[in-house]
């Protein structure tokens, strides 16, 4: 299954707010989560997603398309890993599959100055 999220996904730094010691999910994060859910549901209409009583081992690849360079052409200080948990949780919540079934996970940066998106590929491991 291939899921295309046609917008920049937020970093973990932009997902939560604090009131004293109480942590909460921000309005922006709730809106992004809803948009991700729409994209997952659309992908489910057009592609096969494994369903059954026993979930198999899953292999996930996430490609983040974005401009990863500064104006000087150096690699920007953008952490790819702090995008993964929110994105994965949002997708797997819609799929109604526990992410504990992920046995292989890869994230890659794709240099793109025109398009910001995430492409998530989910496969059953053999």
PDB file of N, CA and C in Angstrom:
ATOM      1  N   UNK A   1       0.851  -1.171   0.000  1.00  0.00           N
ATOM      2  CA  UNK A   1       0.000   0.000   0.000  1.00  0.00           C
ATOM      3  C   UNK A   1       0.897   1.234   0.000  1.00  0.00           C
ATOM      4  N   UNK A   2       0.529   2.197  -0.818  1.00  0.00           N
ATOM      5  CA  UNK A   2       1.257   3.464  -0.869  1.00  0.00           C
ATOM      6  C   UNK A   2       0.303   4.584  -0.467  1.00  0.00           C
ATOM      7  N   UNK A   3       0.744   5.377   0.497  1.00  0.00           N
ATOM      8  CA  UNK A   3      -0.040   6.510   0.985  1.00  0.00           C
ATOM      9  C   UNK A   3       0.767   7.772   0.731  1.00  0.00           C
ATOM     10  N   UNK A   4       0.171   8.715   0.027  1.00  0.00           N
ATOM     11  CA  UNK A   4       0.850   9.980  -0.246  1.00  0.00           C
ATOM     12  C   UNK A   4       0.198  11.065   0.600  1.00  0.00           C
ATOM     13  N   UNK A   5       0.995  11.699   1.425  1.00  0.00           N
ATOM     14  CA  UNK A   5       0.549  12.830   2.242  1.00  0.00           C
ATOM     15  C   UNK A   5       1.053  14.072   1.509  1.00  0.00           C
ATOM     16  N   UNK A   6       0.165  14.809   0.810  1.00  0.00           N
ATOM     17  CA  UNK A   6       0.611  15.867  -0.107  1.00  0.00           C
ATOM     18  C   UNK A   6       0.909  17.213   0.558  1.00  0.00           C
ATOM     19  N   UNK A   7       1.474  17.159   1.743  1.00  0.00           N
ATOM     20  CA  UNK A   7       1.838  18.390   2.451  1.00  0.00           C
ATOM     21  C   UNK A   7       2.933  18.070   3.451  1.00  0.00           C
ATOM     22  N   UNK A   8       3.560  19.106   3.942  1.00  0.00           N
ATOM     23  CA  UNK A   8       4.634  18.946   4.922  1.00  0.00           C
ATOM     24  C   UNK A   8       4.038  18.495   6.253  1.00  0.00           C
ATOM     25  N   UNK A   9       4.561  17.412   6.780  1.00  0.00           N
ATOM     26  CA  UNK A   9       4.091  16.930   8.078  1.00  0.00           C
ATOM     27  C   UNK A   9       4.856  17.649   9.188  1.00  0.00           C
ATOM     28  N   UNK A  10       4.192  17.902  10.309  1.00  0.00           N
ATOM     29  CA  UNK A  10       4.844  18.682  11.371  1.00  0.00           C
ATOM     30  C   UNK A  10       5.887  17.870  12.139  1.00  0.00           C
ATOM     31  N   UNK A  11       6.810  18.598  12.751  1.00  0.00           N
ATOM     32  CA  UNK A  11       7.770  17.962  13.639  1.00  0.00           C
ATOM     33  C   UNK A  11       7.128  17.810  15.010  1.00  0.00           C
ATOM     34  N   UNK A  12       7.694  16.972  15.817  1.00  0.00           N
ATOM     35  CA  UNK A  12       7.180  16.735  17.168  1.00  0.00           C
ATOM     36  C   UNK A  12       7.159  18.032  17.977  1.00  0.00           C
ATOM     37  N   UNK A  13       8.059  18.958  17.653  1.00  0.00           N
ATOM     38  CA  UNK A  13       8.139  20.231  18.372  1.00  0.00           C
ATOM     39  C   UNK A  13       6.892  21.089  18.189  1.00  0.00           C
ATOM     40  N   UNK A  14       6.145  20.877  17.098  1.00  0.00           N
ATOM     41  CA  UNK A  14       4.968  21.691  16.800  1.00  0.00           C
ATOM     42  C   UNK A  14       3.653  20.990  17.123  1.00  0.00           C
ATOM     43  N   UNK A  15       3.710  19.822  17.722  1.00  0.00           N
ATOM     44  CA  UNK A  15       2.504  19.036  17.956  1.00  0.00           C
ATOM     45  C   UNK A  15       1.884  19.239  19.330  1.00  0.00           C
ATOM     46  N   UNK A  16       2.698  19.588  20.285  1.00  0.00           N
ATOM     47  CA  UNK A  16       2.217  19.640  21.659  1.00  0.00           C
ATOM     48  C   UNK A  16       2.426  21.016  22.281  1.00  0.00           C
ATOM     49  N   UNK A  17       1.503  21.367  23.142  1.00  0.00           N
ATOM     50  CA  UNK A  17       1.626  22.581  23.932  1.00  0.00           C
ATOM     51  C   UNK A  17       1.645  22.198  25.407  1.00  0.00           C
ATOM     52  N   UNK A  18       1.963  23.150  26.241  1.00  0.00           N
ATOM     53  CA  UNK A  18       2.031  22.882  27.678  1.00  0.00           C
ATOM     54  C   UNK A  18       1.290  23.962  28.448  1.00  0.00           C
ATOM     55  N   UNK A  19       0.560  23.535  29.463  1.00  0.00           N
ATOM     56  CA  UNK A  19      -0.026  24.421  30.467  1.00  0.00           C
ATOM     57  C   UNK A  19       0.495  23.918  31.809  1.00  0.00           C
ATOM     58  N   UNK A  20       1.499  24.594  32.317  1.00  0.00           N
ATOM     59  CA  UNK A  20       2.160  24.076  33.525  1.00  0.00           C
ATOM     60  C   UNK A  20       2.846  22.766  33.180  1.00  0.00           C
ATOM     61  N   UNK A  21       2.476  21.708  33.903  1.00  0.00           N
ATOM     62  CA  UNK A  21       3.045  20.389  33.648  1.00  0.00           C
ATOM     63  C   UNK A  21       2.152  19.537  32.763  1.00  0.00           C
ATOM     64  N   UNK A  22       1.027  20.086  32.326  1.00  0.00           N
ATOM     65  CA  UNK A  22       0.067  19.348  31.500  1.00  0.00           C
ATOM     66  C   UNK A  22       0.412  19.515  30.014  1.00  0.00           C
ATOM     67  N   UNK A  23       0.652  18.396  29.334  1.00  0.00           N
ATOM     68  CA  UNK A  23       0.958  18.408  27.906  1.00  0.00           C
ATOM     69  C   UNK A  23      -0.322  18.116  27.135  1.00  0.00           C
ATOM     70  N   UNK A  24      -0.547  18.850  26.040  1.00  0.00           N
ATOM     71  CA  UNK A  24      -1.738  18.614  25.223  1.00  0.00           C
ATOM     72  C   UNK A  24      -1.385  18.719  23.745  1.00  0.00           C
ATOM     73  N   UNK A  25      -2.202  18.071  22.900  1.00  0.00           N
ATOM     74  CA  UNK A  25      -2.008  18.140  21.457  1.00  0.00           C
ATOM     75  C   UNK A  25      -2.590  19.463  20.960  1.00  0.00           C
ATOM     76  N   UNK A  26      -1.873  20.149  20.088  1.00  0.00           N
ATOM     77  CA  UNK A  26      -2.299  21.466  19.619  1.00  0.00           C
ATOM     78  C   UNK A  26      -3.419  21.356  18.587  1.00  0.00           C
ATOM     79  N   UNK A  27      -4.089  22.464  18.366  1.00  0.00           N
ATOM     80  CA  UNK A  27      -5.150  22.536  17.362  1.00  0.00           C
ATOM     81  C   UNK A  27      -4.570  22.209  15.985  1.00  0.00           C
ATOM     82  N   UNK A  28      -3.384  22.745  15.687  1.00  0.00           N
ATOM     83  CA  UNK A  28      -2.716  22.468  14.407  1.00  0.00           C
ATOM     84  C   UNK A  28      -2.491  20.966  14.231  1.00  0.00           C
ATOM     85  N   UNK A  29      -2.043  20.303  15.281  1.00  0.00           N
ATOM     86  CA  UNK A  29      -1.780  18.862  15.212  1.00  0.00           C
ATOM     87  C   UNK A  29      -3.063  18.080  14.962  1.00  0.00           C
ATOM     88  N   UNK A  30      -4.153  18.479  15.608  1.00  0.00           N
ATOM     89  CA  UNK A  30      -5.443  17.802  15.387  1.00  0.00           C
ATOM     90  C   UNK A  30      -5.895  17.967  13.940  1.00  0.00           C
ATOM     91  N   UNK A  31      -5.695  19.161  13.387  1.00  0.00           N
ATOM     92  CA  UNK A  31      -6.083  19.413  11.997  1.00  0.00           C
ATOM     93  C   UNK A  31      -5.234  18.587  11.032  1.00  0.00           C
ATOM     94  N   UNK A  32      -3.935  18.518  11.287  1.00  0.00           N
ATOM     95  CA  UNK A  32      -3.041  17.730  10.430  1.00  0.00           C
ATOM     96  C   UNK A  32      -3.391  16.253  10.531  1.00  0.00           C
ATOM     97  N   UNK A  33      -3.682  15.776  11.720  1.00  0.00           N
ATOM     98  CA  UNK A  33      -4.055  14.374  11.913  1.00  0.00           C
ATOM     99  C   UNK A  33      -5.317  14.039  11.117  1.00  0.00           C
ATOM    100  N   UNK A  34      -6.280  14.949  11.094  1.00  0.00           N
ATOM    101  CA  UNK A  34      -7.509  14.746  10.326  1.00  0.00           C
ATOM    102  C   UNK A  34      -7.219  14.716   8.824  1.00  0.00           C
ATOM    103  N   UNK A  35      -6.315  15.580   8.359  1.00  0.00           N
ATOM    104  CA  UNK A  35      -5.938  15.597   6.942  1.00  0.00           C
ATOM    105  C   UNK A  35      -5.220  14.305   6.551  1.00  0.00           C
ATOM    106  N   UNK A  36      -4.345  13.830   7.432  1.00  0.00           N
ATOM    107  CA  UNK A  36      -3.645  12.565   7.173  1.00  0.00           C
ATOM    108  C   UNK A  36      -4.661  11.437   7.087  1.00  0.00           C
ATOM    109  N   UNK A  37      -5.631  11.427   7.976  1.00  0.00           N
ATOM    110  CA  UNK A  37      -6.681  10.395   7.969  1.00  0.00           C
ATOM    111  C   UNK A  37      -7.436  10.391   6.638  1.00  0.00           C
ATOM    112  N   UNK A  38      -7.735  11.565   6.107  1.00  0.00           N
ATOM    113  CA  UNK A  38      -8.417  11.654   4.808  1.00  0.00           C
ATOM    114  C   UNK A  38      -7.584  11.016   3.705  1.00  0.00           C
ATOM    115  N   UNK A  39      -6.289  11.278   3.705  1.00  0.00           N
ATOM    116  CA  UNK A  39      -5.407  10.720   2.680  1.00  0.00           C
ATOM    117  C   UNK A  39      -5.298   9.201   2.809  1.00  0.00           C
ATOM    118  N   UNK A  40      -5.254   8.697   4.037  1.00  0.00           N
ATOM    119  CA  UNK A  40      -5.182   7.251   4.261  1.00  0.00           C
ATOM    120  C   UNK A  40      -6.471   6.589   3.774  1.00  0.00           C
ATOM    121  N   UNK A  41      -7.607   7.166   4.102  1.00  0.00           N
ATOM    122  CA  UNK A  41      -8.893   6.611   3.656  1.00  0.00           C
ATOM    123  C   UNK A  41      -8.996   6.602   2.139  1.00  0.00           C
ATOM    124  N   UNK A  42      -8.502   7.642   1.501  1.00  0.00           N
ATOM    125  CA  UNK A  42      -8.506   7.701   0.029  1.00  0.00           C
ATOM    126  C   UNK A  42      -7.620   6.604  -0.547  1.00  0.00           C
ATOM    127  N   UNK A  43      -6.441   6.409   0.032  1.00  0.00           N
ATOM    128  CA  UNK A  43      -5.536   5.348  -0.429  1.00  0.00           C
ATOM    129  C   UNK A  43      -6.160   3.975  -0.234  1.00  0.00           C
ATOM    130  N   UNK A  44      -6.911   3.793   0.850  1.00  0.00           N
ATOM    131  CA  UNK A  44      -7.548   2.510   1.132  1.00  0.00           C
ATOM    132  C   UNK A  44      -8.625   2.179   0.096  1.00  0.00           C
ATOM    133  N   UNK A  45      -9.249   3.196  -0.475  1.00  0.00           N
ATOM    134  CA  UNK A  45     -10.280   2.961  -1.495  1.00  0.00           C
ATOM    135  C   UNK A  45      -9.682   2.347  -2.758  1.00  0.00           C
ATOM    136  N   UNK A  46      -8.452   2.751  -3.059  1.00  0.00           N
ATOM    137  CA  UNK A  46      -7.845   2.395  -4.331  1.00  0.00           C
ATOM    138  C   UNK A  46      -6.793   1.296  -4.256  1.00  0.00           C
ATOM    139  N   UNK A  47      -6.455   0.858  -3.045  1.00  0.00           N
ATOM    140  CA  UNK A  47      -5.381  -0.114  -2.918  1.00  0.00           C
ATOM    141  C   UNK A  47      -5.760  -1.193  -1.923  1.00  0.00           C
ATOM    142  N   UNK A  48      -5.130  -2.317  -2.080  1.00  0.00           N
ATOM    143  CA  UNK A  48      -5.339  -3.433  -1.168  1.00  0.00           C
ATOM    144  C   UNK A  48      -4.592  -3.172   0.134  1.00  0.00           C
ATOM    145  N   UNK A  49      -5.270  -3.360   1.231  1.00  0.00           N
ATOM    146  CA  UNK A  49      -4.614  -3.346   2.542  1.00  0.00           C
ATOM    147  C   UNK A  49      -4.942  -4.681   3.199  1.00  0.00           C
ATOM    148  N   UNK A  50      -3.934  -5.329   3.685  1.00  0.00           N
ATOM    149  CA  UNK A  50      -4.128  -6.638   4.295  1.00  0.00           C
ATOM    150  C   UNK A  50      -5.029  -6.521   5.505  1.00  0.00           C
ATOM    151  N   UNK A  51      -6.016  -7.364   5.574  1.00  0.00           N
ATOM    152  CA  UNK A  51      -6.866  -7.436   6.764  1.00  0.00           C
ATOM    153  C   UNK A  51      -7.051  -8.909   7.093  1.00  0.00           C
ATOM    154  N   UNK A  52      -7.112  -9.223   8.324  1.00  0.00           N
ATOM    155  CA  UNK A  52      -7.281 -10.603   8.744  1.00  0.00           C
ATOM    156  C   UNK A  52      -7.167 -10.688  10.249  1.00  0.00           C
ATOM    157  N   UNK A  53      -7.293 -11.893  10.759  1.00  0.00           N
ATOM    158  CA  UNK A  53      -7.268 -12.069  12.203  1.00  0.00           C
ATOM    159  C   UNK A  53      -5.873 -11.894  12.786  1.00  0.00           C
ATOM    160  N   UNK A  54      -4.853 -12.254  12.033  1.00  0.00           N
ATOM    161  CA  UNK A  54      -3.484 -12.121  12.507  1.00  0.00           C
ATOM    162  C   UNK A  54      -2.764 -11.141  11.586  1.00  0.00           C
ATOM    163  N   UNK A  55      -2.242 -10.079  12.158  1.00  0.00           N
ATOM    164  CA  UNK A  55      -1.523  -9.097  11.356  1.00  0.00           C
ATOM    165  C   UNK A  55      -0.108  -9.621  11.093  1.00  0.00           C
ATOM    166  N   UNK A  56       0.327  -9.571   9.844  1.00  0.00           N
ATOM    167  CA  UNK A  56       1.669 -10.053   9.524  1.00  0.00           C
ATOM    168  C   UNK A  56       2.728  -9.033   9.924  1.00  0.00           C
ATOM    169  N   UNK A  57       3.968  -9.440   9.780  1.00  0.00           N
ATOM    170  CA  UNK A  57       5.076  -8.511   9.986  1.00  0.00           C
ATOM    171  C   UNK A  57       5.050  -7.499   8.837  1.00  0.00           C
ATOM    172  N   UNK A  58       5.201  -6.229   9.177  1.00  0.00           N
ATOM    173  CA  UNK A  58       5.107  -5.177   8.172  1.00  0.00           C
ATOM    174  C   UNK A  58       6.448  -4.484   7.951  1.00  0.00           C
ATOM    175  N   UNK A  59       6.644  -4.073   6.727  1.00  0.00           N
ATOM    176  CA  UNK A  59       7.827  -3.308   6.323  1.00  0.00           C
ATOM    177  C   UNK A  59       7.335  -1.930   5.888  1.00  0.00           C
ATOM    178  N   UNK A  60       7.896  -0.878   6.466  1.00  0.00           N
ATOM    179  CA  UNK A  60       7.463   0.485   6.200  1.00  0.00           C
ATOM    180  C   UNK A  60       8.633   1.291   5.649  1.00  0.00           C
ATOM    181  N   UNK A  61       8.359   2.057   4.595  1.00  0.00           N
ATOM    182  CA  UNK A  61       9.339   3.028   4.121  1.00  0.00           C
ATOM    183  C   UNK A  61       8.646   4.375   4.031  1.00  0.00           C
ATOM    184  N   UNK A  62       9.282   5.386   4.612  1.00  0.00           N
ATOM    185  CA  UNK A  62       8.760   6.746   4.563  1.00  0.00           C
ATOM    186  C   UNK A  62       9.785   7.609   3.838  1.00  0.00           C
ATOM    187  N   UNK A  63       9.335   8.274   2.779  1.00  0.00           N
ATOM    188  CA  UNK A  63      10.182   9.214   2.049  1.00  0.00           C
ATOM    189  C   UNK A  63       9.614  10.607   2.275  1.00  0.00           C
ATOM    190  N   UNK A  64      10.439  11.499   2.809  1.00  0.00           N
ATOM    191  CA  UNK A  64      10.025  12.874   3.073  1.00  0.00           C
ATOM    192  C   UNK A  64      10.641  13.763   1.988  1.00  0.00           C
ATOM    193  N   UNK A  65       9.773  14.347   1.165  1.00  0.00           N
ATOM    194  CA  UNK A  65      10.198  15.251   0.095  1.00  0.00           C
ATOM    195  C   UNK A  65      10.130  16.678   0.620  1.00  0.00           C
ATOM    196  N   UNK A  66      11.257  17.343   0.578  1.00  0.00           N
ATOM    197  CA  UNK A  66      11.330  18.695   1.129  1.00  0.00           C
ATOM    198  C   UNK A  66      12.660  19.318   0.704  1.00  0.00           C
ATOM    199  N   UNK A  67      12.793  20.609   0.863  1.00  0.00           N
ATOM    200  CA  UNK A  67      14.081  21.256   0.627  1.00  0.00           C
ATOM    201  C   UNK A  67      14.917  21.086   1.895  1.00  0.00           C
ATOM    202  N   UNK A  68      15.916  20.243   1.800  1.00  0.00           N
ATOM    203  CA  UNK A  68      16.763  19.922   2.950  1.00  0.00           C
ATOM    204  C   UNK A  68      18.028  20.780   2.997  1.00  0.00           C
ATOM    205  N   UNK A  69      18.116  21.775   2.114  1.00  0.00           N
ATOM    206  CA  UNK A  69      19.319  22.594   2.042  1.00  0.00           C
ATOM    207  C   UNK A  69      19.040  24.041   2.449  1.00  0.00           C
ATOM    208  N   UNK A  70      20.077  24.704   2.946  1.00  0.00           N
ATOM    209  CA  UNK A  70      19.974  26.122   3.274  1.00  0.00           C
ATOM    210  C   UNK A  70      20.167  26.931   1.992  1.00  0.00           C
ATOM    211  N   UNK A  71      20.010  28.250   2.094  1.00  0.00           N
ATOM    212  CA  UNK A  71      20.238  29.124   0.937  1.00  0.00           C
ATOM    213  C   UNK A  71      21.677  29.041   0.445  1.00  0.00           C
ATOM    214  N   UNK A  72      22.588  28.694   1.339  1.00  0.00           N
ATOM    215  CA  UNK A  72      24.006  28.557   0.973  1.00  0.00           C
ATOM    216  C   UNK A  72      24.319  27.190   0.362  1.00  0.00           C
ATOM    217  N   UNK A  73      23.316  26.308   0.303  1.00  0.00           N
ATOM    218  CA  UNK A  73      23.521  24.987  -0.271  1.00  0.00           C
ATOM    219  C   UNK A  73      24.038  23.947   0.704  1.00  0.00           C
ATOM    220  N   UNK A  74      24.074  24.297   1.988  1.00  0.00           N
ATOM    221  CA  UNK A  74      24.502  23.348   3.011  1.00  0.00           C
ATOM    222  C   UNK A  74      23.285  22.570   3.512  1.00  0.00           C
ATOM    223  N   UNK A  75      23.533  21.453   4.148  1.00  0.00           N
ATOM    224  CA  UNK A  75      22.440  20.657   4.696  1.00  0.00           C
ATOM    225  C   UNK A  75      21.837  21.404   5.883  1.00  0.00           C
ATOM    226  N   UNK A  76      20.518  21.610   5.830  1.00  0.00           N
ATOM    227  CA  UNK A  76      19.813  22.344   6.888  1.00  0.00           C
ATOM    228  C   UNK A  76      19.705  21.499   8.153  1.00  0.00           C
ATOM    229  N   UNK A  77      19.524  22.175   9.274  1.00  0.00           N
ATOM    230  CA  UNK A  77      19.359  21.483  10.558  1.00  0.00           C
ATOM    231  C   UNK A  77      17.897  21.075  10.718  1.00  0.00           C
ATOM    232  N   UNK A  78      17.497  20.050   9.992  1.00  0.00           N
ATOM    233  CA  UNK A  78      16.142  19.517  10.051  1.00  0.00           C
ATOM    234  C   UNK A  78      16.237  18.048  10.411  1.00  0.00           C
ATOM    235  N   UNK A  79      15.622  17.691  11.502  1.00  0.00           N
ATOM    236  CA  UNK A  79      15.659  16.318  11.999  1.00  0.00           C
ATOM    237  C   UNK A  79      14.498  15.533  11.389  1.00  0.00           C
ATOM    238  N   UNK A  80      14.811  14.518  10.622  1.00  0.00           N
ATOM    239  CA  UNK A  80      13.775  13.722   9.970  1.00  0.00           C
ATOM    240  C   UNK A  80      13.059  12.803  10.967  1.00  0.00           C
ATOM    241  N   UNK A  81      13.763  12.355  11.982  1.00  0.00           N
ATOM    242  CA  UNK A  81      13.187  11.347  12.880  1.00  0.00           C
ATOM    243  C   UNK A  81      12.069  11.888  13.772  1.00  0.00           C
ATOM    244  N   UNK A  82      12.056  13.198  14.045  1.00  0.00           N
ATOM    245  CA  UNK A  82      10.992  13.682  14.928  1.00  0.00           C
ATOM    246  C   UNK A  82       9.672  13.897  14.182  1.00  0.00           C
ATOM    247  N   UNK A  83       9.595  13.479  12.929  1.00  0.00           N
ATOM    248  CA  UNK A  83       8.339  13.492  12.177  1.00  0.00           C
ATOM    249  C   UNK A  83       7.667  12.128  12.173  1.00  0.00           C
ATOM    250  N   UNK A  84       8.431  11.100  12.480  1.00  0.00           N
ATOM    251  CA  UNK A  84       7.962   9.747  12.242  1.00  0.00           C
ATOM    252  C   UNK A  84       6.827   9.287  13.160  1.00  0.00           C
ATOM    253  N   UNK A  85       6.905   9.495  14.443  1.00  0.00           N
ATOM    254  CA  UNK A  85       5.940   8.903  15.374  1.00  0.00           C
ATOM    255  C   UNK A  85       4.521   9.432  15.140  1.00  0.00           C
ATOM    256  N   UNK A  86       4.375  10.734  14.999  1.00  0.00           N
ATOM    257  CA  UNK A  86       3.048  11.309  14.767  1.00  0.00           C
ATOM    258  C   UNK A  86       2.465  10.810  13.448  1.00  0.00           C
ATOM    259  N   UNK A  87       3.284  10.786  12.404  1.00  0.00           N
ATOM    260  CA  UNK A  87       2.829  10.324  11.097  1.00  0.00           C
ATOM    261  C   UNK A  87       2.404   8.856  11.162  1.00  0.00           C
ATOM    262  N   UNK A  88       3.247   8.015  11.757  1.00  0.00           N
ATOM    263  CA  UNK A  88       2.935   6.588  11.854  1.00  0.00           C
ATOM    264  C   UNK A  88       1.680   6.343  12.694  1.00  0.00           C
ATOM    265  N   UNK A  89       1.585   7.014  13.839  1.00  0.00           N
ATOM    266  CA  UNK A  89       0.405   6.834  14.692  1.00  0.00           C
ATOM    267  C   UNK A  89      -0.868   7.277  13.979  1.00  0.00           C
ATOM    268  N   UNK A  90      -0.790   8.369  13.241  1.00  0.00           N
ATOM    269  CA  UNK A  90      -1.961   8.874  12.516  1.00  0.00           C
ATOM    270  C   UNK A  90      -2.411   7.882  11.446  1.00  0.00           C
ATOM    271  N   UNK A  91      -1.459   7.319  10.725  1.00  0.00           N
ATOM    272  CA  UNK A  91      -1.785   6.356   9.659  1.00  0.00           C
ATOM    273  C   UNK A  91      -2.333   5.056  10.240  1.00  0.00           C
ATOM    274  N   UNK A  92      -1.652   4.501  11.217  1.00  0.00           N
ATOM    275  CA  UNK A  92      -2.047   3.201  11.749  1.00  0.00           C
ATOM    276  C   UNK A  92      -3.354   3.260  12.532  1.00  0.00           C
ATOM    277  N   UNK A  93      -3.688   4.412  13.073  1.00  0.00           N
ATOM    278  CA  UNK A  93      -4.980   4.576  13.748  1.00  0.00           C
ATOM    279  C   UNK A  93      -6.122   4.383  12.740  1.00  0.00           C
ATOM    280  N   UNK A  94      -5.973   4.950  11.564  1.00  0.00           N
ATOM    281  CA  UNK A  94      -7.001   4.804  10.526  1.00  0.00           C
ATOM    282  C   UNK A  94      -7.043   3.368  10.007  1.00  0.00           C
ATOM    283  N   UNK A  95      -5.881   2.758   9.829  1.00  0.00           N
ATOM    284  CA  UNK A  95      -5.820   1.386   9.340  1.00  0.00           C
ATOM    285  C   UNK A  95      -6.303   0.375  10.377  1.00  0.00           C
ATOM    286  N   UNK A  96      -6.403   0.825  11.628  1.00  0.00           N
ATOM    287  CA  UNK A  96      -6.796  -0.043  12.751  1.00  0.00           C
ATOM    288  C   UNK A  96      -5.838  -1.228  12.898  1.00  0.00           C
ATOM    289  N   UNK A  97      -4.545  -0.906  12.751  1.00  0.00           N
ATOM    290  CA  UNK A  97      -3.478  -1.885  12.938  1.00  0.00           C
ATOM    291  C   UNK A  97      -2.512  -1.307  13.964  1.00  0.00           C
ATOM    292  N   UNK A  98      -2.113  -2.114  14.911  1.00  0.00           N
ATOM    293  CA  UNK A  98      -1.147  -1.675  15.913  1.00  0.00           C
ATOM    294  C   UNK A  98       0.229  -1.580  15.268  1.00  0.00           C
ATOM    295  N   UNK A  99       0.929  -0.480  15.524  1.00  0.00           N
ATOM    296  CA  UNK A  99       2.247  -0.312  14.905  1.00  0.00           C
ATOM    297  C   UNK A  99       3.305  -1.248  15.490  1.00  0.00           C
ATOM    298  N   UNK A 100       2.935  -2.073  16.448  1.00  0.00           N
ATOM    299  CA  UNK A 100       3.875  -3.069  16.967  1.00  0.00           C
ATOM    300  C   UNK A 100       4.205  -4.131  15.920  1.00  0.00           C
ATOM    301  N   UNK A 101       3.410  -4.202  14.837  1.00  0.00           N
ATOM    302  CA  UNK A 101       3.645  -5.173  13.783  1.00  0.00           C
ATOM    303  C   UNK A 101       4.680  -4.694  12.759  1.00  0.00           C
ATOM    304  N   UNK A 102       5.252  -3.516  12.978  1.00  0.00           N
ATOM    305  CA  UNK A 102       6.310  -3.029  12.097  1.00  0.00           C
ATOM    306  C   UNK A 102       7.616  -3.708  12.504  1.00  0.00           C
ATOM    307  N   UNK A 103       8.189  -4.457  11.564  1.00  0.00           N
ATOM    308  CA  UNK A 103       9.441  -5.149  11.825  1.00  0.00           C
ATOM    309  C   UNK A 103      10.602  -4.533  11.054  1.00  0.00           C
ATOM    310  N   UNK A 104      10.289  -3.744  10.045  1.00  0.00           N
ATOM    311  CA  UNK A 104      11.323  -3.066   9.270  1.00  0.00           C
ATOM    312  C   UNK A 104      10.823  -1.662   8.984  1.00  0.00           C
ATOM    313  N   UNK A 105      11.688  -0.675   9.255  1.00  0.00           N
ATOM    314  CA  UNK A 105      11.267   0.714   9.093  1.00  0.00           C
ATOM    315  C   UNK A 105      12.431   1.526   8.557  1.00  0.00           C
ATOM    316  N   UNK A 106      12.183   2.235   7.455  1.00  0.00           N
ATOM    317  CA  UNK A 106      13.209   3.061   6.837  1.00  0.00           C
ATOM    318  C   UNK A 106      12.625   4.439   6.568  1.00  0.00           C
ATOM    319  N   UNK A 107      13.420   5.469   6.841  1.00  0.00           N
ATOM    320  CA  UNK A 107      13.040   6.837   6.486  1.00  0.00           C
ATOM    321  C   UNK A 107      14.148   7.415   5.633  1.00  0.00           C
ATOM    322  N   UNK A 108      13.745   8.118   4.576  1.00  0.00           N
ATOM    323  CA  UNK A 108      14.726   8.753   3.705  1.00  0.00           C
ATOM    324  C   UNK A 108      14.316  10.187   3.414  1.00  0.00           C
ATOM    325  N   UNK A 109      15.326  11.027   3.233  1.00  0.00           N
ATOM    326  CA  UNK A 109      15.105  12.408   2.812  1.00  0.00           C
ATOM    327  C   UNK A 109      15.254  12.458   1.295  1.00  0.00           C
ATOM    328  N   UNK A 110      14.299  13.102   0.635  1.00  0.00           N
ATOM    329  CA  UNK A 110      14.380  13.320  -0.804  1.00  0.00           C
ATOM    330  C   UNK A 110      14.429  14.830  -1.019  1.00  0.00           C
ATOM    331  N   UNK A 111      15.491  15.296  -1.645  1.00  0.00           N
ATOM    332  CA  UNK A 111      15.641  16.725  -1.899  1.00  0.00           C
ATOM    333  C   UNK A 111      14.608  17.180  -2.924  1.00  0.00           C
ATOM    334  N   UNK A 112      13.794  18.158  -2.557  1.00  0.00           N
ATOM    335  CA  UNK A 112      12.780  18.698  -3.453  1.00  0.00           C
ATOM    336  C   UNK A 112      12.558  20.161  -3.108  1.00  0.00           C
ATOM    337  N   UNK A 113      12.755  21.021  -4.063  1.00  0.00           N
ATOM    338  CA  UNK A 113      12.527  22.439  -3.832  1.00  0.00           C
ATOM    339  C   UNK A 113      11.111  22.857  -4.211  1.00  0.00           C
ATOM    340  N   UNK A 114      10.396  22.021  -4.984  1.00  0.00           N
ATOM    341  CA  UNK A 114       9.054  22.368  -5.428  1.00  0.00           C
ATOM    342  C   UNK A 114       7.951  21.735  -4.594  1.00  0.00           C
ATOM    343  N   UNK A 115       8.123  20.490  -4.200  1.00  0.00           N
ATOM    344  CA  UNK A 115       7.048  19.726  -3.571  1.00  0.00           C
ATOM    345  C   UNK A 115       7.436  19.334  -2.155  1.00  0.00           C
ATOM    346  N   UNK A 116       6.507  19.519  -1.220  1.00  0.00           N
ATOM    347  CA  UNK A 116       6.683  19.005   0.144  1.00  0.00           C
ATOM    348  C   UNK A 116       5.605  17.955   0.353  1.00  0.00           C
ATOM    349  N   UNK A 117       6.049  16.726   0.617  1.00  0.00           N
ATOM    350  CA  UNK A 117       5.105  15.630   0.819  1.00  0.00           C
ATOM    351  C   UNK A 117       5.813  14.481   1.523  1.00  0.00           C
ATOM    352  N   UNK A 118       5.006  13.526   1.955  1.00  0.00           N
ATOM    353  CA  UNK A 118       5.534  12.283   2.502  1.00  0.00           C
ATOM    354  C   UNK A 118       4.906  11.135   1.716  1.00  0.00           C
ATOM    355  N   UNK A 119       5.713  10.159   1.364  1.00  0.00           N
ATOM    356  CA  UNK A 119       5.221   8.963   0.685  1.00  0.00           C
ATOM    357  C   UNK A 119       5.525   7.780   1.598  1.00  0.00           C
ATOM    358  N   UNK A 120       4.458   7.107   2.024  1.00  0.00           N
ATOM    359  CA  UNK A 120       4.580   5.991   2.960  1.00  0.00           C
ATOM    360  C   UNK A 120       4.208   4.709   2.222  1.00  0.00           C
ATOM    361  N   UNK A 121       5.130   3.757   2.215  1.00  0.00           N
ATOM    362  CA  UNK A 121       4.885   2.460   1.583  1.00  0.00           C
ATOM    363  C   UNK A 121       4.818   1.420   2.686  1.00  0.00           C
ATOM    364  N   UNK A 122       3.721   0.646   2.692  1.00  0.00           N
ATOM    365  CA  UNK A 122       3.533  -0.403   3.697  1.00  0.00           C
ATOM    366  C   UNK A 122       3.419  -1.732   2.938  1.00  0.00           C
ATOM    367  N   UNK A 123       4.286  -2.684   3.311  1.00  0.00           N
ATOM    368  CA  UNK A 123       4.285  -3.986   2.661  1.00  0.00           C
ATOM    369  C   UNK A 123       4.295  -5.087   3.722  1.00  0.00           C
ATOM    370  N   UNK A 124       3.784  -6.237   3.341  1.00  0.00           N
ATOM    371  CA  UNK A 124       3.874  -7.422   4.185  1.00  0.00           C
ATOM    372  C   UNK A 124       5.229  -8.063   3.931  1.00  0.00           C
ATOM    373  N   UNK A 125       5.972  -8.351   5.012  1.00  0.00           N
ATOM    374  CA  UNK A 125       7.276  -9.009   4.875  1.00  0.00           C
ATOM    375  C   UNK A 125       7.080 -10.485   4.545  1.00  0.00           C
ATOM    376  N   UNK A 126       7.992 -10.993   3.773  1.00  0.00           N
ATOM    377  CA  UNK A 126       7.921 -12.415   3.388  1.00  0.00           C
ATOM    378  C   UNK A 126       8.817 -13.243   4.253  1.00  0.00           C
TER     379      UNK A 126
END
